[in-house]
Amino acid sequence: SLFAYVQLLDRTHYLNHYYLVCMVCGLLALMPLSGVASLDARRR
């Protein structure tokens, strides 16, 4: 969300891989990420 805000500020800095980063982060936010090799799993 914050990286998307930064990119929306100025079109002159648009890069496809920054757009991909926003897409991937949005998808990862839907997924159970804490199960393996995470501090969350170690803590809980």
ModelCIF file with pLDDT and N, C-alpha, C, O atoms, coordinates in Angstrom:
data_MODEL
#
_entry.id   MODEL 
#
_entity.id                         1 
_entity.type                       polymer 
_entity.pdbx_number_of_molecules   1 
#
_entity_poly.entity_id                      1 
_entity_poly.type                           'polypeptide(L)' 
_entity_poly.nstd_linkage                   no 
_entity_poly.nstd_monomer                   no 
_entity_poly.pdbx_seq_one_letter_code       SLFAYVQLLDRTHYLNHYYLVCMVCGLLALMPLSGVASLDARRR 
_entity_poly.pdbx_seq_one_letter_code_can   SLFAYVQLLDRTHYLNHYYLVCMVCGLLALMPLSGVASLDARRR 
_entity_poly.pdbx_strand_id                 A 
#
loop_
_entity_poly_seq.entity_id 
_entity_poly_seq.num 
_entity_poly_seq.mon_id 
_entity_poly_seq.hetero 
1 1  SER n 
1 2  LEU n 
1 3  PHE n 
1 4  ALA n 
1 5  TYR n 
1 6  VAL n 
1 7  GLN n 
1 8  LEU n 
1 9  LEU n 
1 10 ASP n 
1 11 ARG n 
1 12 THR n 
1 13 HIS n 
1 14 TYR n 
1 15 LEU n 
1 16 ASN n 
1 17 HIS n 
1 18 TYR n 
1 19 TYR n 
1 20 LEU n 
1 21 VAL n 
1 22 CYS n 
1 23 MET n 
1 24 VAL n 
1 25 CYS n 
1 26 GLY n 
1 27 LEU n 
1 28 LEU n 
1 29 ALA n 
1 30 LEU n 
1 31 MET n 
1 32 PRO n 
1 33 LEU n 
1 34 SER n 
1 35 GLY n 
1 36 VAL n 
1 37 ALA n 
1 38 SER n 
1 39 LEU n 
1 40 ASP n 
1 41 ALA n 
1 42 ARG n 
1 43 ARG n 
1 44 ARG n 
#
_struct_asym.id          A 
_struct_asym.entity_id   1 
#
loop_
_ma_qa_metric.id 
_ma_qa_metric.mode 
_ma_qa_metric.name 
_ma_qa_metric.software_group_id 
_ma_qa_metric.type 
1 global pLDDT . pLDDT 
2 local  pLDDT . pLDDT 
#
_ma_qa_metric_global.metric_id      1 
_ma_qa_metric_global.metric_value   94.77 
_ma_qa_metric_global.model_id       1 
_ma_qa_metric_global.ordinal_id     1 
#
loop_
_ma_qa_metric_local.label_asym_id 
_ma_qa_metric_local.label_comp_id 
_ma_qa_metric_local.label_seq_id 
_ma_qa_metric_local.metric_id 
_ma_qa_metric_local.metric_value 
_ma_qa_metric_local.model_id 
_ma_qa_metric_local.ordinal_id 
A SER 1  2 98.00 1 1  
A LEU 2  2 98.00 1 2  
A PHE 3  2 98.00 1 3  
A ALA 4  2 97.00 1 4  
A TYR 5  2 98.00 1 5  
A VAL 6  2 97.00 1 6  
A GLN 7  2 96.00 1 7  
A LEU 8  2 97.00 1 8  
A LEU 9  2 97.00 1 9  
A ASP 10 2 96.00 1 10 
A ARG 11 2 95.00 1 11 
A THR 12 2 94.00 1 12 
A HIS 13 2 93.00 1 13 
A TYR 14 2 94.00 1 14 
A LEU 15 2 91.00 1 15 
A ASN 16 2 92.00 1 16 
A HIS 17 2 91.00 1 17 
A TYR 18 2 94.00 1 18 
A TYR 19 2 95.00 1 19 
A LEU 20 2 95.00 1 20 
A VAL 21 2 96.00 1 21 
A CYS 22 2 96.00 1 22 
A MET 23 2 96.00 1 23 
A VAL 24 2 97.00 1 24 
A CYS 25 2 97.00 1 25 
A GLY 26 2 97.00 1 26 
A LEU 27 2 98.00 1 27 
A LEU 28 2 97.00 1 28 
A ALA 29 2 97.00 1 29 
A LEU 30 2 96.00 1 30 
A MET 31 2 96.00 1 31 
A PRO 32 2 95.00 1 32 
A LEU 33 2 95.00 1 33 
A SER 34 2 92.00 1 34 
A GLY 35 2 90.00 1 35 
A VAL 36 2 91.00 1 36 
A ALA 37 2 91.00 1 37 
A SER 38 2 93.00 1 38 
A LEU 39 2 95.00 1 39 
A ASP 40 2 94.00 1 40 
A ALA 41 2 91.00 1 41 
A ARG 42 2 91.00 1 42 
A ARG 43 2 92.00 1 43 
A ARG 44 2 91.00 1 44 
#
loop_
_atom_site.group_PDB 
_atom_site.id 
_atom_site.type_symbol 
_atom_site.label_atom_id 
_atom_site.label_alt_id 
_atom_site.label_comp_id 
_atom_site.label_asym_id 
_atom_site.label_entity_id 
_atom_site.label_seq_id 
_atom_site.pdbx_PDB_ins_code 
_atom_site.Cartn_x 
_atom_site.Cartn_y 
_atom_site.Cartn_z 
_atom_site.occupancy 
_atom_site.B_iso_or_equiv 
_atom_site.pdbx_formal_charge 
_atom_site.auth_seq_id 
_atom_site.auth_comp_id 
_atom_site.auth_asym_id 
_atom_site.auth_atom_id 
_atom_site.pdbx_PDB_model_num 
ATOM 1   N N  . SER A 1 1  ? 0.821  -1.208  0.000   1.00 98.00 ? 1  SER A N  1 
ATOM 2   C CA . SER A 1 1  ? 0.000  0.000   0.000   1.00 98.00 ? 1  SER A CA 1 
ATOM 3   C C  . SER A 1 1  ? 0.858  1.262   0.000   1.00 98.00 ? 1  SER A C  1 
ATOM 4   O O  . SER A 1 1  ? 0.617  2.182   -0.782  1.00 98.00 ? 1  SER A O  1 
ATOM 5   N N  . LEU A 1 2  ? 1.865  1.303   0.883   1.00 98.00 ? 2  LEU A N  1 
ATOM 6   C CA . LEU A 1 2  ? 2.713  2.494   0.978   1.00 98.00 ? 2  LEU A CA 1 
ATOM 7   C C  . LEU A 1 2  ? 3.594  2.653   -0.255  1.00 98.00 ? 2  LEU A C  1 
ATOM 8   O O  . LEU A 1 2  ? 3.832  3.771   -0.712  1.00 98.00 ? 2  LEU A O  1 
ATOM 9   N N  . PHE A 1 3  ? 4.075  1.541   -0.789  1.00 98.00 ? 3  PHE A N  1 
ATOM 10  C CA . PHE A 1 3  ? 4.902  1.620   -1.999  1.00 98.00 ? 3  PHE A CA 1 
ATOM 11  C C  . PHE A 1 3  ? 4.050  2.061   -3.186  1.00 98.00 ? 3  PHE A C  1 
ATOM 12  O O  . PHE A 1 3  ? 4.523  2.802   -4.047  1.00 98.00 ? 3  PHE A O  1 
ATOM 13  N N  . ALA A 1 4  ? 2.802  1.613   -3.234  1.00 97.00 ? 4  ALA A N  1 
ATOM 14  C CA . ALA A 1 4  ? 1.898  2.075   -4.288  1.00 97.00 ? 4  ALA A CA 1 
ATOM 15  C C  . ALA A 1 4  ? 1.675  3.582   -4.169  1.00 97.00 ? 4  ALA A C  1 
ATOM 16  O O  . ALA A 1 4  ? 1.654  4.284   -5.180  1.00 97.00 ? 4  ALA A O  1 
ATOM 17  N N  . TYR A 1 5  ? 1.508  4.082   -2.947  1.00 98.00 ? 5  TYR A N  1 
ATOM 18  C CA . TYR A 1 5  ? 1.361  5.523   -2.743  1.00 98.00 ? 5  TYR A CA 1 
ATOM 19  C C  . TYR A 1 5  ? 2.570  6.273   -3.307  1.00 98.00 ? 5  TYR A C  1 
ATOM 20  O O  . TYR A 1 5  ? 2.416  7.283   -3.995  1.00 98.00 ? 5  TYR A O  1 
ATOM 21  N N  . VAL A 1 6  ? 3.763  5.774   -3.013  1.00 97.00 ? 6  VAL A N  1 
ATOM 22  C CA . VAL A 1 6  ? 4.978  6.426   -3.505  1.00 97.00 ? 6  VAL A CA 1 
ATOM 23  C C  . VAL A 1 6  ? 5.000  6.456   -5.028  1.00 97.00 ? 6  VAL A C  1 
ATOM 24  O O  . VAL A 1 6  ? 5.356  7.472   -5.625  1.00 97.00 ? 6  VAL A O  1 
ATOM 25  N N  . GLN A 1 7  ? 4.621  5.349   -5.658  1.00 96.00 ? 7  GLN A N  1 
ATOM 26  C CA . GLN A 1 7  ? 4.667  5.281   -7.115  1.00 96.00 ? 7  GLN A CA 1 
ATOM 27  C C  . GLN A 1 7  ? 3.594  6.150   -7.760  1.00 96.00 ? 7  GLN A C  1 
ATOM 28  O O  . GLN A 1 7  ? 3.806  6.680   -8.851  1.00 96.00 ? 7  GLN A O  1 
ATOM 29  N N  . LEU A 1 8  ? 2.460  6.301   -7.112  1.00 97.00 ? 8  LEU A N  1 
ATOM 30  C CA . LEU A 1 8  ? 1.380  7.109   -7.673  1.00 97.00 ? 8  LEU A CA 1 
ATOM 31  C C  . LEU A 1 8  ? 1.677  8.596   -7.633  1.00 97.00 ? 8  LEU A C  1 
ATOM 32  O O  . LEU A 1 8  ? 1.005  9.378   -8.307  1.00 97.00 ? 8  LEU A O  1 
ATOM 33  N N  . LEU A 1 9  ? 2.671  8.998   -6.856  1.00 97.00 ? 9  LEU A N  1 
ATOM 34  C CA . LEU A 1 9  ? 2.990  10.420  -6.725  1.00 97.00 ? 9  LEU A CA 1 
ATOM 35  C C  . LEU A 1 9  ? 3.513  11.022  -8.017  1.00 97.00 ? 9  LEU A C  1 
ATOM 36  O O  . LEU A 1 9  ? 3.300  12.205  -8.280  1.00 97.00 ? 9  LEU A O  1 
ATOM 37  N N  . ASP A 1 10 ? 4.206  10.209  -8.838  1.00 96.00 ? 10 ASP A N  1 
ATOM 38  C CA . ASP A 1 10 ? 4.841  10.782  -10.033 1.00 96.00 ? 10 ASP A CA 1 
ATOM 39  C C  . ASP A 1 10 ? 4.989  9.705   -11.095 1.00 96.00 ? 10 ASP A C  1 
ATOM 40  O O  . ASP A 1 10 ? 5.669  8.701   -10.887 1.00 96.00 ? 10 ASP A O  1 
ATOM 41  N N  . ARG A 1 11 ? 4.340  9.927   -12.245 1.00 95.00 ? 11 ARG A N  1 
ATOM 42  C CA . ARG A 1 11 ? 4.383  8.955   -13.333 1.00 95.00 ? 11 ARG A CA 1 
ATOM 43  C C  . ARG A 1 11 ? 5.770  8.820   -13.956 1.00 95.00 ? 11 ARG A C  1 
ATOM 44  O O  . ARG A 1 11 ? 6.067  7.804   -14.585 1.00 95.00 ? 11 ARG A O  1 
ATOM 45  N N  . THR A 1 12 ? 6.616  9.827   -13.790 1.00 94.00 ? 12 THR A N  1 
ATOM 46  C CA . THR A 1 12 ? 7.927  9.766   -14.430 1.00 94.00 ? 12 THR A CA 1 
ATOM 47  C C  . THR A 1 12 ? 8.797  8.663   -13.844 1.00 94.00 ? 12 THR A C  1 
ATOM 48  O O  . THR A 1 12 ? 9.790  8.274   -14.459 1.00 94.00 ? 12 THR A O  1 
ATOM 49  N N  . HIS A 1 13 ? 8.447  8.153   -12.666 1.00 93.00 ? 13 HIS A N  1 
ATOM 50  C CA . HIS A 1 13 ? 9.245  7.107   -12.034 1.00 93.00 ? 13 HIS A CA 1 
ATOM 51  C C  . HIS A 1 13 ? 8.616  5.727   -12.171 1.00 93.00 ? 13 HIS A C  1 
ATOM 52  O O  . HIS A 1 13 ? 9.052  4.776   -11.522 1.00 93.00 ? 13 HIS A O  1 
ATOM 53  N N  . TYR A 1 14 ? 7.591  5.615   -13.017 1.00 94.00 ? 14 TYR A N  1 
ATOM 54  C CA . TYR A 1 14 ? 6.926  4.317   -13.183 1.00 94.00 ? 14 TYR A CA 1 
ATOM 55  C C  . TYR A 1 14 ? 7.888  3.279   -13.748 1.00 94.00 ? 14 TYR A C  1 
ATOM 56  O O  . TYR A 1 14 ? 8.580  3.532   -14.734 1.00 94.00 ? 14 TYR A O  1 
ATOM 57  N N  . LEU A 1 15 ? 7.924  2.118   -13.120 1.00 91.00 ? 15 LEU A N  1 
ATOM 58  C CA . LEU A 1 15 ? 8.669  0.966   -13.623 1.00 91.00 ? 15 LEU A CA 1 
ATOM 59  C C  . LEU A 1 15 ? 7.775  -0.261  -13.489 1.00 91.00 ? 15 LEU A C  1 
ATOM 60  O O  . LEU A 1 15 ? 7.037  -0.404  -12.514 1.00 91.00 ? 15 LEU A O  1 
ATOM 61  N N  . ASN A 1 16 ? 7.853  -1.141  -14.481 1.00 92.00 ? 16 ASN A N  1 
ATOM 62  C CA . ASN A 1 16 ? 7.012  -2.332  -14.449 1.00 92.00 ? 16 ASN A CA 1 
ATOM 63  C C  . ASN A 1 16 ? 7.308  -3.202  -13.231 1.00 92.00 ? 16 ASN A C  1 
ATOM 64  O O  . ASN A 1 16 ? 6.395  -3.798  -12.659 1.00 92.00 ? 16 ASN A O  1 
ATOM 65  N N  . HIS A 1 17 ? 8.584  -3.280  -12.830 1.00 91.00 ? 17 HIS A N  1 
ATOM 66  C CA . HIS A 1 17 ? 8.863  -4.175  -11.707 1.00 91.00 ? 17 HIS A CA 1 
ATOM 67  C C  . HIS A 1 17 ? 8.397  -3.572  -10.378 1.00 91.00 ? 17 HIS A C  1 
ATOM 68  O O  . HIS A 1 17 ? 8.191  -4.310  -9.415  1.00 91.00 ? 17 HIS A O  1 
ATOM 69  N N  . TYR A 1 18 ? 8.227  -2.243  -10.306 1.00 94.00 ? 18 TYR A N  1 
ATOM 70  C CA . TYR A 1 18 ? 7.615  -1.677  -9.110  1.00 94.00 ? 18 TYR A CA 1 
ATOM 71  C C  . TYR A 1 18 ? 6.127  -2.016  -9.077  1.00 94.00 ? 18 TYR A C  1 
ATOM 72  O O  . TYR A 1 18 ? 5.565  -2.292  -8.017  1.00 94.00 ? 18 TYR A O  1 
ATOM 73  N N  . TYR A 1 19 ? 5.505  -1.993  -10.239 1.00 95.00 ? 19 TYR A N  1 
ATOM 74  C CA . TYR A 1 19 ? 4.108  -2.425  -10.334 1.00 95.00 ? 19 TYR A CA 1 
ATOM 75  C C  . TYR A 1 19 ? 3.981  -3.889  -9.925  1.00 95.00 ? 19 TYR A C  1 
ATOM 76  O O  . TYR A 1 19 ? 3.043  -4.258  -9.219  1.00 95.00 ? 19 TYR A O  1 
ATOM 77  N N  . LEU A 1 20 ? 4.919  -4.722  -10.365 1.00 95.00 ? 20 LEU A N  1 
ATOM 78  C CA . LEU A 1 20 ? 4.895  -6.137  -9.987  1.00 95.00 ? 20 LEU A CA 1 
ATOM 79  C C  . LEU A 1 20 ? 5.057  -6.295  -8.480  1.00 95.00 ? 20 LEU A C  1 
ATOM 80  O O  . LEU A 1 20 ? 4.394  -7.135  -7.872  1.00 95.00 ? 20 LEU A O  1 
ATOM 81  N N  . VAL A 1 21 ? 5.923  -5.504  -7.876  1.00 96.00 ? 21 VAL A N  1 
ATOM 82  C CA . VAL A 1 21 ? 6.104  -5.569  -6.420  1.00 96.00 ? 21 VAL A CA 1 
ATOM 83  C C  . VAL A 1 21 ? 4.779  -5.308  -5.711  1.00 96.00 ? 21 VAL A C  1 
ATOM 84  O O  . VAL A 1 21 ? 4.437  -6.012  -4.761  1.00 96.00 ? 21 VAL A O  1 
ATOM 85  N N  . CYS A 1 22 ? 4.032  -4.304  -6.161  1.00 96.00 ? 22 CYS A N  1 
ATOM 86  C CA . CYS A 1 22 ? 2.742  -4.008  -5.526  1.00 96.00 ? 22 CYS A CA 1 
ATOM 87  C C  . CYS A 1 22 ? 1.777  -5.168  -5.691  1.00 96.00 ? 22 CYS A C  1 
ATOM 88  O O  . CYS A 1 22 ? 1.054  -5.510  -4.755  1.00 96.00 ? 22 CYS A O  1 
ATOM 89  N N  . MET A 1 23 ? 1.755  -5.788  -6.888  1.00 96.00 ? 23 MET A N  1 
ATOM 90  C CA . MET A 1 23 ? 0.868  -6.927  -7.128  1.00 96.00 ? 23 MET A CA 1 
ATOM 91  C C  . MET A 1 23 ? 1.245  -8.109  -6.228  1.00 96.00 ? 23 MET A C  1 
ATOM 92  O O  . MET A 1 23 ? 0.376  -8.726  -5.612  1.00 96.00 ? 23 MET A O  1 
ATOM 93  N N  . VAL A 1 24 ? 2.539  -8.419  -6.157  1.00 97.00 ? 24 VAL A N  1 
ATOM 94  C CA . VAL A 1 24 ? 2.992  -9.566  -5.372  1.00 97.00 ? 24 VAL A CA 1 
ATOM 95  C C  . VAL A 1 24 ? 2.704  -9.343  -3.886  1.00 97.00 ? 24 VAL A C  1 
ATOM 96  O O  . VAL A 1 24 ? 2.275  -10.265 -3.192  1.00 97.00 ? 24 VAL A O  1 
ATOM 97  N N  . CYS A 1 25 ? 2.937  -8.131  -3.401  1.00 97.00 ? 25 CYS A N  1 
ATOM 98  C CA . CYS A 1 25 ? 2.656  -7.854  -1.989  1.00 97.00 ? 25 CYS A CA 1 
ATOM 99  C C  . CYS A 1 25 ? 1.174  -8.008  -1.692  1.00 97.00 ? 25 CYS A C  1 
ATOM 100 O O  . CYS A 1 25 ? 0.802  -8.529  -0.640  1.00 97.00 ? 25 CYS A O  1 
ATOM 101 N N  . GLY A 1 26 ? 0.329  -7.562  -2.602  1.00 97.00 ? 26 GLY A N  1 
ATOM 102 C CA . GLY A 1 26 ? -1.097 -7.731  -2.401  1.00 97.00 ? 26 GLY A CA 1 
ATOM 103 C C  . GLY A 1 26 ? -1.502 -9.192  -2.349  1.00 97.00 ? 26 GLY A C  1 
ATOM 104 O O  . GLY A 1 26 ? -2.355 -9.572  -1.547  1.00 97.00 ? 26 GLY A O  1 
ATOM 105 N N  . LEU A 1 27 ? -0.900 -10.014 -3.198  1.00 98.00 ? 27 LEU A N  1 
ATOM 106 C CA . LEU A 1 27 ? -1.204 -11.445 -3.193  1.00 98.00 ? 27 LEU A CA 1 
ATOM 107 C C  . LEU A 1 27 ? -0.678 -12.114 -1.926  1.00 98.00 ? 27 LEU A C  1 
ATOM 108 O O  . LEU A 1 27 ? -1.362 -12.948 -1.332  1.00 98.00 ? 27 LEU A O  1 
ATOM 109 N N  . LEU A 1 28 ? 0.534  -11.750 -1.513  1.00 97.00 ? 28 LEU A N  1 
ATOM 110 C CA . LEU A 1 28 ? 1.104  -12.347 -0.310  1.00 97.00 ? 28 LEU A CA 1 
ATOM 111 C C  . LEU A 1 28 ? 0.277  -12.001 0.926   1.00 97.00 ? 28 LEU A C  1 
ATOM 112 O O  . LEU A 1 28 ? 0.209  -12.787 1.871   1.00 97.00 ? 28 LEU A O  1 
ATOM 113 N N  . ALA A 1 29 ? -0.349 -10.828 0.918   1.00 97.00 ? 29 ALA A N  1 
ATOM 114 C CA . ALA A 1 29 ? -1.162 -10.434 2.070   1.00 97.00 ? 29 ALA A CA 1 
ATOM 115 C C  . ALA A 1 29 ? -2.369 -11.347 2.252   1.00 97.00 ? 29 ALA A C  1 
ATOM 116 O O  . ALA A 1 29 ? -2.972 -11.359 3.325   1.00 97.00 ? 29 ALA A O  1 
ATOM 117 N N  . LEU A 1 30 ? -2.733 -12.115 1.222   1.00 96.00 ? 30 LEU A N  1 
ATOM 118 C CA . LEU A 1 30 ? -3.854 -13.049 1.322   1.00 96.00 ? 30 LEU A CA 1 
ATOM 119 C C  . LEU A 1 30 ? -3.429 -14.431 1.803   1.00 96.00 ? 30 LEU A C  1 
ATOM 120 O O  . LEU A 1 30 ? -4.284 -15.267 2.095   1.00 96.00 ? 30 LEU A O  1 
ATOM 121 N N  . MET A 1 31 ? -2.130 -14.685 1.890   1.00 96.00 ? 31 MET A N  1 
ATOM 122 C CA . MET A 1 31 ? -1.628 -16.045 2.082   1.00 96.00 ? 31 MET A CA 1 
ATOM 123 C C  . MET A 1 31 ? -1.141 -16.285 3.510   1.00 96.00 ? 31 MET A C  1 
ATOM 124 O O  . MET A 1 31 ? -0.697 -15.353 4.181   1.00 96.00 ? 31 MET A O  1 
ATOM 125 N N  . PRO A 1 32 ? -1.224 -17.536 3.975   1.00 95.00 ? 32 PRO A N  1 
ATOM 126 C CA . PRO A 1 32 ? -0.679 -17.879 5.302   1.00 95.00 ? 32 PRO A CA 1 
ATOM 127 C C  . PRO A 1 32 ? 0.846  -17.975 5.233   1.00 95.00 ? 32 PRO A C  1 
ATOM 128 O O  . PRO A 1 32 ? 1.390  -18.979 4.775   1.00 95.00 ? 32 PRO A O  1 
ATOM 129 N N  . LEU A 1 33 ? 1.525  -16.932 5.687   1.00 95.00 ? 33 LEU A N  1 
ATOM 130 C CA . LEU A 1 33 ? 2.973  -16.810 5.485   1.00 95.00 ? 33 LEU A CA 1 
ATOM 131 C C  . LEU A 1 33 ? 3.799  -17.212 6.697   1.00 95.00 ? 33 LEU A C  1 
ATOM 132 O O  . LEU A 1 33 ? 5.026  -17.249 6.608   1.00 95.00 ? 33 LEU A O  1 
ATOM 133 N N  . SER A 1 34 ? 3.175  -17.511 7.814   1.00 92.00 ? 34 SER A N  1 
ATOM 134 C CA . SER A 1 34 ? 3.926  -17.692 9.056   1.00 92.00 ? 34 SER A CA 1 
ATOM 135 C C  . SER A 1 34 ? 4.293  -19.134 9.360   1.00 92.00 ? 34 SER A C  1 
ATOM 136 O O  . SER A 1 34 ? 4.950  -19.391 10.368  1.00 92.00 ? 34 SER A O  1 
ATOM 137 N N  . GLY A 1 35 ? 3.891  -20.084 8.523   1.00 90.00 ? 35 GLY A N  1 
ATOM 138 C CA . GLY A 1 35 ? 4.013  -21.495 8.917   1.00 90.00 ? 35 GLY A CA 1 
ATOM 139 C C  . GLY A 1 35 ? 5.417  -22.028 9.006   1.00 90.00 ? 35 GLY A C  1 
ATOM 140 O O  . GLY A 1 35 ? 5.710  -22.827 9.895   1.00 90.00 ? 35 GLY A O  1 
ATOM 141 N N  . VAL A 1 36 ? 6.320  -21.606 8.093   1.00 91.00 ? 36 VAL A N  1 
ATOM 142 C CA . VAL A 1 36 ? 7.650  -22.205 8.003   1.00 91.00 ? 36 VAL A CA 1 
ATOM 143 C C  . VAL A 1 36 ? 8.699  -21.092 8.002   1.00 91.00 ? 36 VAL A C  1 
ATOM 144 O O  . VAL A 1 36 ? 8.524  -20.059 7.355   1.00 91.00 ? 36 VAL A O  1 
ATOM 145 N N  . ALA A 1 37 ? 9.798  -21.319 8.741   1.00 91.00 ? 37 ALA A N  1 
ATOM 146 C CA . ALA A 1 37 ? 10.955 -20.414 8.739   1.00 91.00 ? 37 ALA A CA 1 
ATOM 147 C C  . ALA A 1 37 ? 10.549 -18.973 9.013   1.00 91.00 ? 37 ALA A C  1 
ATOM 148 O O  . ALA A 1 37 ? 10.935 -18.061 8.283   1.00 91.00 ? 37 ALA A O  1 
ATOM 149 N N  . SER A 1 38 ? 9.768  -18.775 10.068  1.00 93.00 ? 38 SER A N  1 
ATOM 150 C CA . SER A 1 38 ? 9.325  -17.429 10.398  1.00 93.00 ? 38 SER A CA 1 
ATOM 151 C C  . SER A 1 38 ? 9.476  -17.180 11.889  1.00 93.00 ? 38 SER A C  1 
ATOM 152 O O  . SER A 1 38 ? 9.442  -18.106 12.700  1.00 93.00 ? 38 SER A O  1 
ATOM 153 N N  . LEU A 1 39 ? 9.643  -15.907 12.232  1.00 95.00 ? 39 LEU A N  1 
ATOM 154 C CA . LEU A 1 39 ? 9.689  -15.544 13.640  1.00 95.00 ? 39 LEU A CA 1 
ATOM 155 C C  . LEU A 1 39 ? 8.335  -15.759 14.304  1.00 95.00 ? 39 LEU A C  1 
ATOM 156 O O  . LEU A 1 39 ? 8.263  -16.060 15.496  1.00 95.00 ? 39 LEU A O  1 
ATOM 157 N N  . ASP A 1 40 ? 7.271  -15.607 13.539  1.00 94.00 ? 40 ASP A N  1 
ATOM 158 C CA . ASP A 1 40 ? 5.940  -15.842 14.099  1.00 94.00 ? 40 ASP A CA 1 
ATOM 159 C C  . ASP A 1 40 ? 5.798  -17.279 14.592  1.00 94.00 ? 40 ASP A C  1 
ATOM 160 O O  . ASP A 1 40 ? 5.291  -17.522 15.687  1.00 94.00 ? 40 ASP A O  1 
ATOM 161 N N  . ALA A 1 41 ? 6.255  -18.240 13.765  1.00 91.00 ? 41 ALA A N  1 
ATOM 162 C CA . ALA A 1 41 ? 6.145  -19.644 14.165  1.00 91.00 ? 41 ALA A CA 1 
ATOM 163 C C  . ALA A 1 41 ? 7.048  -19.968 15.346  1.00 91.00 ? 41 ALA A C  1 
ATOM 164 O O  . ALA A 1 41 ? 6.715  -20.817 16.173  1.00 91.00 ? 41 ALA A O  1 
ATOM 165 N N  . ARG A 1 42 ? 8.179  -19.299 15.424  1.00 91.00 ? 42 ARG A N  1 
ATOM 166 C CA . ARG A 1 42 ? 9.079  -19.517 16.564  1.00 91.00 ? 42 ARG A CA 1 
ATOM 167 C C  . ARG A 1 42 ? 8.487  -18.919 17.840  1.00 91.00 ? 42 ARG A C  1 
ATOM 168 O O  . ARG A 1 42 ? 8.616  -19.480 18.928  1.00 91.00 ? 42 ARG A O  1 
ATOM 169 N N  . ARG A 1 43 ? 7.837  -17.767 17.677  1.00 92.00 ? 43 ARG A N  1 
ATOM 170 C CA . ARG A 1 43 ? 7.254  -17.077 18.827  1.00 92.00 ? 43 ARG A CA 1 
ATOM 171 C C  . ARG A 1 43 ? 5.964  -17.739 19.280  1.00 92.00 ? 43 ARG A C  1 
ATOM 172 O O  . ARG A 1 43 ? 5.679  -17.818 20.475  1.00 92.00 ? 43 ARG A O  1 
ATOM 173 N N  . ARG A 1 44 ? 5.181  -18.217 18.309  1.00 91.00 ? 44 ARG A N  1 
ATOM 174 C CA . ARG A 1 44 ? 3.904  -18.861 18.618  1.00 91.00 ? 44 ARG A CA 1 
ATOM 175 C C  . ARG A 1 44 ? 3.842  -20.196 17.870  1.00 91.00 ? 44 ARG A C  1 
ATOM 176 O O  . ARG A 1 44 ? 2.852  -20.919 17.978  1.00 91.00 ? 44 ARG A O  1 
#
